[in-house]
Amino acid sequence: MPKTVIGLFLALIFASSQSTAVAQQSPSSEDFAREAAISNEFELQAAQLAVKRGKDPRAITFANDMLRDHGNASAGLAEAAKKDGIRLSTALDDRRKKTIRLPAIGDRNGL
């Protein structure tokens, strides 16, 4: 996968994350890749929850699409990080752990 495609891909993932940090300057490559990996893992876990608890067939279809797409993203990110010598962790941070465990999360959006 060309570096420009990987860079664009990572930029899109990072832009869609709900990072709490306010960046005064550009993050390092390592910080950027780690945040992208954690954000991607959050999306995977949220989609798994939607498949497991979903009631609306459209929500389940969307969640399965998310699992496919974010699974591919995870593999691509891991490969790119390995080539660049960046060690990734997919362990969720406290904020995302709390969000994924909200008891009412399934009460919205047809879940």
C-alpha atoms as a PDB file:
ATOM      1  CA  MET A   1       0.000   0.000   0.000  1.00  0.00           C
ATOM      2  CA  PRO A   2       1.593   3.318  -1.006  1.00  0.00           C
ATOM      3  CA  LYS A   3       2.641   5.619   1.822  1.00  0.00           C
ATOM      4  CA  THR A   4       0.356   8.422   0.597  1.00  0.00           C
ATOM      5  CA  VAL A   5      -2.660   6.097   0.778  1.00  0.00           C
ATOM      6  CA  ILE A   6      -1.651   4.977   4.268  1.00  0.00           C
ATOM      7  CA  GLY A   7      -1.132   8.595   5.304  1.00  0.00           C
ATOM      8  CA  LEU A   8      -4.525   9.628   3.998  1.00  0.00           C
ATOM      9  CA  PHE A   9      -6.135   6.607   5.623  1.00  0.00           C
ATOM     10  CA  LEU A  10      -4.551   7.377   8.977  1.00  0.00           C
ATOM     11  CA  ALA A  11      -5.543  11.021   8.701  1.00  0.00           C
ATOM     12  CA  LEU A  12      -9.163  10.044   8.165  1.00  0.00           C
ATOM     13  CA  ILE A  13      -9.171   7.677  11.135  1.00  0.00           C
ATOM     14  CA  PHE A  14      -7.519  10.239  13.380  1.00  0.00           C
ATOM     15  CA  ALA A  15      -9.876  13.002  12.274  1.00  0.00           C
ATOM     16  CA  SER A  16     -12.893  10.857  13.123  1.00  0.00           C
ATOM     17  CA  SER A  17     -11.647   9.977  16.592  1.00  0.00           C
ATOM     18  CA  GLN A  18     -12.983  11.759  19.631  1.00  0.00           C
ATOM     19  CA  SER A  19      -9.646  12.673  21.128  1.00  0.00           C
ATOM     20  CA  THR A  20      -9.752  14.700  24.325  1.00  0.00           C
ATOM     21  CA  ALA A  21      -6.332  16.208  23.823  1.00  0.00           C
ATOM     22  CA  VAL A  22      -6.179  19.648  22.299  1.00  0.00           C
ATOM     23  CA  ALA A  23      -3.179  19.629  20.045  1.00  0.00           C
ATOM     24  CA  GLN A  24      -1.086  22.767  20.055  1.00  0.00           C
ATOM     25  CA  GLN A  25       1.314  21.157  17.608  1.00  0.00           C
ATOM     26  CA  SER A  26       1.296  18.156  15.321  1.00  0.00           C
ATOM     27  CA  PRO A  27       1.480  14.801  17.110  1.00  0.00           C
ATOM     28  CA  SER A  28       4.503  12.607  16.556  1.00  0.00           C
ATOM     29  CA  SER A  29       4.129   9.710  14.146  1.00  0.00           C
ATOM     30  CA  GLU A  30       4.105   7.317  17.088  1.00  0.00           C
ATOM     31  CA  ASP A  31       1.387   9.229  18.961  1.00  0.00           C
ATOM     32  CA  PHE A  32      -0.675   9.556  15.813  1.00  0.00           C
ATOM     33  CA  ALA A  33      -0.459   5.819  15.042  1.00  0.00           C
ATOM     34  CA  ARG A  34      -1.259   4.839  18.638  1.00  0.00           C
ATOM     35  CA  GLU A  35      -4.314   7.118  18.754  1.00  0.00           C
ATOM     36  CA  ALA A  36      -5.498   5.742  15.416  1.00  0.00           C
ATOM     37  CA  ALA A  37      -5.113   2.157  16.672  1.00  0.00           C
ATOM     38  CA  ILE A  38      -7.021   2.857  19.901  1.00  0.00           C
ATOM     39  CA  SER A  39      -9.778   4.729  18.044  1.00  0.00           C
ATOM     40  CA  ASN A  40     -10.065   1.878  15.572  1.00  0.00           C
ATOM     41  CA  GLU A  41     -10.306  -0.670  18.390  1.00  0.00           C
ATOM     42  CA  PHE A  42     -13.085   1.385  19.967  1.00  0.00           C
ATOM     43  CA  GLU A  43     -15.007   1.295  16.690  1.00  0.00           C
ATOM     44  CA  LEU A  44     -14.545  -2.475  16.485  1.00  0.00           C
ATOM     45  CA  GLN A  45     -15.811  -3.011  20.024  1.00  0.00           C
ATOM     46  CA  ALA A  46     -18.782  -0.696  19.475  1.00  0.00           C
ATOM     47  CA  ALA A  47     -19.694  -2.585  16.294  1.00  0.00           C
ATOM     48  CA  GLN A  48     -19.401  -5.937  18.083  1.00  0.00           C
ATOM     49  CA  LEU A  49     -21.767  -4.626  20.741  1.00  0.00           C
ATOM     50  CA  ALA A  50     -24.218  -3.486  18.077  1.00  0.00           C
ATOM     51  CA  VAL A  51     -24.189  -6.899  16.399  1.00  0.00           C
ATOM     52  CA  LYS A  52     -24.652  -8.670  19.721  1.00  0.00           C
ATOM     53  CA  ARG A  53     -27.417  -6.424  21.100  1.00  0.00           C
ATOM     54  CA  GLY A  54     -28.890  -4.972  17.943  1.00  0.00           C
ATOM     55  CA  LYS A  55     -32.582  -5.186  17.118  1.00  0.00           C
ATOM     56  CA  ASP A  56     -32.786  -3.063  13.995  1.00  0.00           C
ATOM     57  CA  PRO A  57     -31.550  -5.029  10.953  1.00  0.00           C
ATOM     58  CA  ARG A  58     -30.150  -1.826   9.410  1.00  0.00           C
ATOM     59  CA  ALA A  59     -28.074  -1.155  12.533  1.00  0.00           C
ATOM     60  CA  ILE A  60     -26.765  -4.726  12.505  1.00  0.00           C
ATOM     61  CA  THR A  61     -25.884  -4.473   8.808  1.00  0.00           C
ATOM     62  CA  PHE A  62     -24.064  -1.206   9.452  1.00  0.00           C
ATOM     63  CA  ALA A  63     -22.232  -2.748  12.419  1.00  0.00           C
ATOM     64  CA  ASN A  64     -21.121  -5.687  10.279  1.00  0.00           C
ATOM     65  CA  ASP A  65     -19.850  -3.227   7.675  1.00  0.00           C
ATOM     66  CA  MET A  66     -17.950  -1.430  10.444  1.00  0.00           C
ATOM     67  CA  LEU A  67     -16.419  -4.715  11.607  1.00  0.00           C
ATOM     68  CA  ARG A  68     -15.247  -5.485   8.079  1.00  0.00           C
ATOM     69  CA  ASP A  69     -13.927  -1.998   7.374  1.00  0.00           C
ATOM     70  CA  HIS A  70     -12.267  -1.414  10.729  1.00  0.00           C
ATOM     71  CA  GLY A  71     -10.856  -4.940  10.693  1.00  0.00           C
ATOM     72  CA  ASN A  72      -9.186  -4.119   7.389  1.00  0.00           C
ATOM     73  CA  ALA A  73      -8.058  -0.762   8.771  1.00  0.00           C
ATOM     74  CA  SER A  74      -6.554  -2.441  11.807  1.00  0.00           C
ATOM     75  CA  ALA A  75      -4.564  -4.850   9.669  1.00  0.00           C
ATOM     76  CA  GLY A  76      -3.337  -2.045   7.410  1.00  0.00           C
ATOM     77  CA  LEU A  77      -2.349   0.134  10.330  1.00  0.00           C
ATOM     78  CA  ALA A  78      -0.502  -2.723  12.038  1.00  0.00           C
ATOM     79  CA  GLU A  79       1.420  -3.456   8.844  1.00  0.00           C
ATOM     80  CA  ALA A  80       2.357   0.198   8.321  1.00  0.00           C
ATOM     81  CA  ALA A  81       3.380   0.607  11.963  1.00  0.00           C
ATOM     82  CA  LYS A  82       5.541  -2.500  11.824  1.00  0.00           C
ATOM     83  CA  LYS A  83       7.338  -1.179   8.740  1.00  0.00           C
ATOM     84  CA  ASP A  84       7.992   2.097  10.555  1.00  0.00           C
ATOM     85  CA  GLY A  85       9.083   0.380  13.777  1.00  0.00           C
ATOM     86  CA  ILE A  86       6.114   1.685  15.792  1.00  0.00           C
ATOM     87  CA  ARG A  87       4.712  -0.552  18.500  1.00  0.00           C
ATOM     88  CA  LEU A  88       0.937  -0.275  18.761  1.00  0.00           C
ATOM     89  CA  SER A  89      -1.442  -1.012  21.580  1.00  0.00           C
ATOM     90  CA  THR A  90      -5.158  -1.399  21.084  1.00  0.00           C
ATOM     91  CA  ALA A  91      -5.988  -1.164  24.782  1.00  0.00           C
ATOM     92  CA  LEU A  92      -8.780   1.364  25.208  1.00  0.00           C
ATOM     93  CA  ASP A  93      -8.161   4.449  27.313  1.00  0.00           C
ATOM     94  CA  ASP A  94     -10.396   5.114  30.338  1.00  0.00           C
ATOM     95  CA  ARG A  95     -12.733   7.454  28.456  1.00  0.00           C
ATOM     96  CA  ARG A  96     -13.426   4.921  25.742  1.00  0.00           C
ATOM     97  CA  LYS A  97     -13.770   2.079  28.256  1.00  0.00           C
ATOM     98  CA  LYS A  98     -16.471   4.039  30.049  1.00  0.00           C
ATOM     99  CA  THR A  99     -18.258   4.856  26.815  1.00  0.00           C
ATOM    100  CA  ILE A 100     -18.301   1.276  25.559  1.00  0.00           C
ATOM    101  CA  ARG A 101     -19.677   0.027  28.885  1.00  0.00           C
ATOM    102  CA  LEU A 102     -22.551   2.493  29.219  1.00  0.00           C
ATOM    103  CA  PRO A 103     -25.630   0.412  30.050  1.00  0.00           C
ATOM    104  CA  ALA A 104     -27.887   2.668  27.999  1.00  0.00           C
ATOM    105  CA  ILE A 105     -25.698   2.634  24.880  1.00  0.00           C
ATOM    106  CA  GLY A 106     -27.933   0.011  23.311  1.00  0.00           C
ATOM    107  CA  ASP A 107     -31.102   1.965  24.033  1.00  0.00           C
ATOM    108  CA  ARG A 108     -30.315   4.469  21.323  1.00  0.00           C
ATOM    109  CA  ASN A 109     -30.169   4.042  17.570  1.00  0.00           C
ATOM    110  CA  GLY A 110     -32.102   0.782  17.334  1.00  0.00           C
ATOM    111  CA  LEU A 111     -29.808  -1.296  19.510  1.00  0.00           C
END
